N, C-alpha and C. Protein backbone atom coordinates (compact mmCIF):
# COMPACT_ATOMS: atom_id res chain seq x y z
N MET A 1 79.33 72.61 97.57
CA MET A 1 80.54 72.06 97.00
C MET A 1 81.47 73.22 96.67
N ARG A 2 82.71 73.06 97.03
CA ARG A 2 83.71 74.08 96.73
C ARG A 2 84.74 73.51 95.77
N ILE A 3 85.02 74.24 94.73
CA ILE A 3 86.03 73.83 93.75
C ILE A 3 87.10 74.92 93.72
N GLU A 4 88.34 74.50 93.77
CA GLU A 4 89.42 75.48 93.67
C GLU A 4 90.51 74.94 92.76
N LYS A 5 91.20 75.85 92.11
CA LYS A 5 92.31 75.49 91.22
C LYS A 5 93.58 75.93 91.92
N ILE A 6 94.50 75.00 92.08
CA ILE A 6 95.76 75.29 92.74
C ILE A 6 96.90 75.09 91.75
N ARG A 7 97.80 76.04 91.73
CA ARG A 7 99.02 75.92 90.93
C ARG A 7 100.20 75.90 91.87
N PHE A 8 101.15 75.04 91.59
CA PHE A 8 102.35 74.94 92.41
C PHE A 8 103.51 75.61 91.69
N ASP A 9 104.35 76.31 92.43
CA ASP A 9 105.59 76.83 91.86
C ASP A 9 106.47 75.64 91.47
N HIS A 10 107.34 75.85 90.50
CA HIS A 10 108.17 74.74 90.01
C HIS A 10 109.06 74.17 91.12
N ASP A 11 109.40 74.99 92.12
CA ASP A 11 110.28 74.52 93.19
C ASP A 11 109.51 74.15 94.47
N ALA A 12 108.20 74.02 94.36
CA ALA A 12 107.39 73.62 95.52
C ALA A 12 107.85 72.25 96.02
N PRO A 13 107.85 72.04 97.34
CA PRO A 13 108.39 70.79 97.89
C PRO A 13 107.40 69.62 97.83
N PHE A 14 106.88 69.35 96.65
CA PHE A 14 105.95 68.25 96.43
C PHE A 14 106.44 67.41 95.26
N PRO A 15 106.08 66.14 95.23
CA PRO A 15 106.44 65.31 94.07
C PRO A 15 105.82 65.88 92.78
N GLU A 16 106.48 65.66 91.67
CA GLU A 16 105.96 66.12 90.38
C GLU A 16 104.54 65.63 90.15
N ASP A 17 104.29 64.42 90.58
CA ASP A 17 102.95 63.82 90.46
C ASP A 17 101.88 64.75 91.04
N VAL A 18 102.13 65.26 92.23
CA VAL A 18 101.16 66.13 92.89
C VAL A 18 101.08 67.49 92.19
N LYS A 19 102.20 67.99 91.71
CA LYS A 19 102.23 69.31 91.06
C LYS A 19 101.60 69.29 89.68
N THR A 20 101.52 68.13 89.03
CA THR A 20 101.08 68.11 87.64
C THR A 20 99.76 67.38 87.39
N ARG A 21 99.34 66.52 88.32
CA ARG A 21 98.10 65.75 88.12
C ARG A 21 96.93 66.41 88.83
N PRO A 22 95.78 66.47 88.19
CA PRO A 22 94.59 66.96 88.91
C PRO A 22 94.21 65.97 90.00
N HIS A 23 93.55 66.49 91.03
CA HIS A 23 93.12 65.61 92.11
C HIS A 23 91.84 66.15 92.74
N VAL A 24 91.19 65.30 93.48
CA VAL A 24 90.05 65.72 94.29
C VAL A 24 90.48 65.62 95.75
N ALA A 25 89.80 66.39 96.61
CA ALA A 25 90.13 66.40 98.03
C ALA A 25 88.88 66.13 98.85
N PHE A 26 89.07 65.40 99.93
CA PHE A 26 87.97 65.09 100.82
C PHE A 26 88.36 65.43 102.25
N LYS A 27 87.48 66.13 102.94
CA LYS A 27 87.67 66.39 104.36
C LYS A 27 87.24 65.15 105.12
N VAL A 28 88.10 64.70 106.03
CA VAL A 28 87.82 63.48 106.80
C VAL A 28 87.97 63.76 108.29
N ASP A 29 87.35 62.93 109.10
CA ASP A 29 87.45 63.06 110.55
C ASP A 29 88.75 62.48 111.09
N ASP A 30 89.28 61.44 110.40
CA ASP A 30 90.48 60.75 110.86
C ASP A 30 91.39 60.48 109.68
N LEU A 31 92.42 61.30 109.53
CA LEU A 31 93.33 61.19 108.38
C LEU A 31 94.02 59.84 108.35
N GLY A 32 94.47 59.37 109.49
CA GLY A 32 95.15 58.07 109.53
C GLY A 32 94.27 56.94 109.05
N GLU A 33 93.03 56.97 109.47
CA GLU A 33 92.08 55.94 109.04
C GLU A 33 91.80 56.05 107.54
N ALA A 34 91.69 57.27 107.03
CA ALA A 34 91.36 57.48 105.61
C ALA A 34 92.45 56.96 104.69
N ILE A 35 93.71 57.05 105.12
CA ILE A 35 94.81 56.64 104.23
C ILE A 35 95.34 55.25 104.53
N PHE A 36 94.84 54.62 105.58
CA PHE A 36 95.34 53.30 105.97
C PHE A 36 95.21 52.31 104.81
N GLY A 37 96.31 51.64 104.49
CA GLY A 37 96.33 50.61 103.46
C GLY A 37 96.36 51.13 102.04
N LYS A 38 96.44 52.44 101.88
CA LYS A 38 96.44 53.03 100.54
C LYS A 38 97.87 53.31 100.08
N GLN A 39 98.05 53.50 98.79
CA GLN A 39 99.37 53.83 98.24
C GLN A 39 99.63 55.31 98.51
N ILE A 40 100.56 55.60 99.42
CA ILE A 40 100.84 56.97 99.85
C ILE A 40 101.71 57.68 98.81
N VAL A 41 101.30 58.88 98.43
CA VAL A 41 102.09 59.72 97.53
C VAL A 41 102.78 60.82 98.34
N VAL A 42 102.06 61.45 99.26
CA VAL A 42 102.61 62.42 100.21
C VAL A 42 102.15 62.01 101.60
N THR A 43 103.10 61.77 102.49
CA THR A 43 102.77 61.35 103.85
C THR A 43 102.02 62.46 104.58
N PRO A 44 101.32 62.12 105.65
CA PRO A 44 100.59 63.14 106.40
C PRO A 44 101.50 64.31 106.78
N THR A 45 101.02 65.51 106.47
CA THR A 45 101.79 66.73 106.64
C THR A 45 100.90 67.78 107.29
N GLU A 46 101.47 68.54 108.22
CA GLU A 46 100.70 69.62 108.84
C GLU A 46 100.88 70.88 108.01
N PHE A 47 99.78 71.38 107.45
CA PHE A 47 99.79 72.58 106.62
C PHE A 47 99.86 73.82 107.51
N LYS A 48 98.99 73.88 108.48
CA LYS A 48 98.95 74.92 109.51
C LYS A 48 98.59 74.19 110.79
N PRO A 49 98.78 74.83 111.94
CA PRO A 49 98.37 74.15 113.17
C PRO A 49 96.90 73.70 113.08
N GLY A 50 96.70 72.42 113.27
CA GLY A 50 95.35 71.87 113.25
C GLY A 50 94.84 71.45 111.88
N ILE A 51 95.63 71.64 110.82
CA ILE A 51 95.22 71.22 109.48
C ILE A 51 96.28 70.29 108.91
N ARG A 52 95.89 69.03 108.70
CA ARG A 52 96.81 68.03 108.17
C ARG A 52 96.25 67.48 106.87
N PHE A 53 97.14 67.08 105.96
CA PHE A 53 96.72 66.49 104.69
C PHE A 53 97.67 65.39 104.28
N ALA A 54 97.21 64.56 103.36
CA ALA A 54 98.03 63.52 102.75
C ALA A 54 97.46 63.26 101.36
N PHE A 55 98.31 62.80 100.45
CA PHE A 55 97.89 62.41 99.11
C PHE A 55 98.09 60.92 98.95
N VAL A 56 97.14 60.28 98.31
CA VAL A 56 97.23 58.86 98.01
C VAL A 56 96.86 58.63 96.55
N ASP A 57 97.25 57.49 96.04
CA ASP A 57 96.86 57.07 94.70
C ASP A 57 95.92 55.89 94.86
N ILE A 58 94.73 56.03 94.33
CA ILE A 58 93.75 54.94 94.37
C ILE A 58 93.39 54.58 92.94
N GLU A 59 93.87 53.43 92.50
CA GLU A 59 93.60 52.94 91.15
C GLU A 59 93.89 53.99 90.08
N GLY A 60 95.01 54.70 90.25
CA GLY A 60 95.43 55.69 89.27
C GLY A 60 94.88 57.09 89.47
N ALA A 61 94.01 57.27 90.45
CA ALA A 61 93.45 58.60 90.75
C ALA A 61 94.18 59.18 91.94
N LEU A 62 94.60 60.43 91.81
CA LEU A 62 95.27 61.13 92.90
C LEU A 62 94.20 61.73 93.81
N ILE A 63 94.26 61.39 95.09
CA ILE A 63 93.25 61.83 96.06
C ILE A 63 93.97 62.50 97.23
N GLU A 64 93.45 63.64 97.64
CA GLU A 64 93.94 64.32 98.83
C GLU A 64 92.91 64.14 99.95
N PHE A 65 93.36 63.78 101.11
CA PHE A 65 92.51 63.75 102.28
C PHE A 65 93.04 64.79 103.25
N PHE A 66 92.15 65.53 103.87
CA PHE A 66 92.60 66.50 104.88
C PHE A 66 91.72 66.46 106.10
N GLN A 67 92.34 66.80 107.23
CA GLN A 67 91.66 66.77 108.52
C GLN A 67 91.88 68.11 109.19
N ILE A 68 90.83 68.68 109.72
CA ILE A 68 90.91 69.93 110.46
C ILE A 68 90.56 69.64 111.91
N GLY A 69 91.47 70.08 112.78
CA GLY A 69 91.19 69.90 114.21
C GLY A 69 91.92 68.76 114.82
């Protein structure tokens, strides 16, 4: 298990929700499938070539899903 603490600059291009709320992240095989039907906070975004992520809200919990490859 890997745990990391991320801090965002005040002008980072993310919603305040993402910059201020703690979240957990899960690596998934299919990002589209993982977020389907969920309340989207940040739409699927390519971080680097081959690495995509999205944030969703599930019953008040902020969740990040990411896909590599």
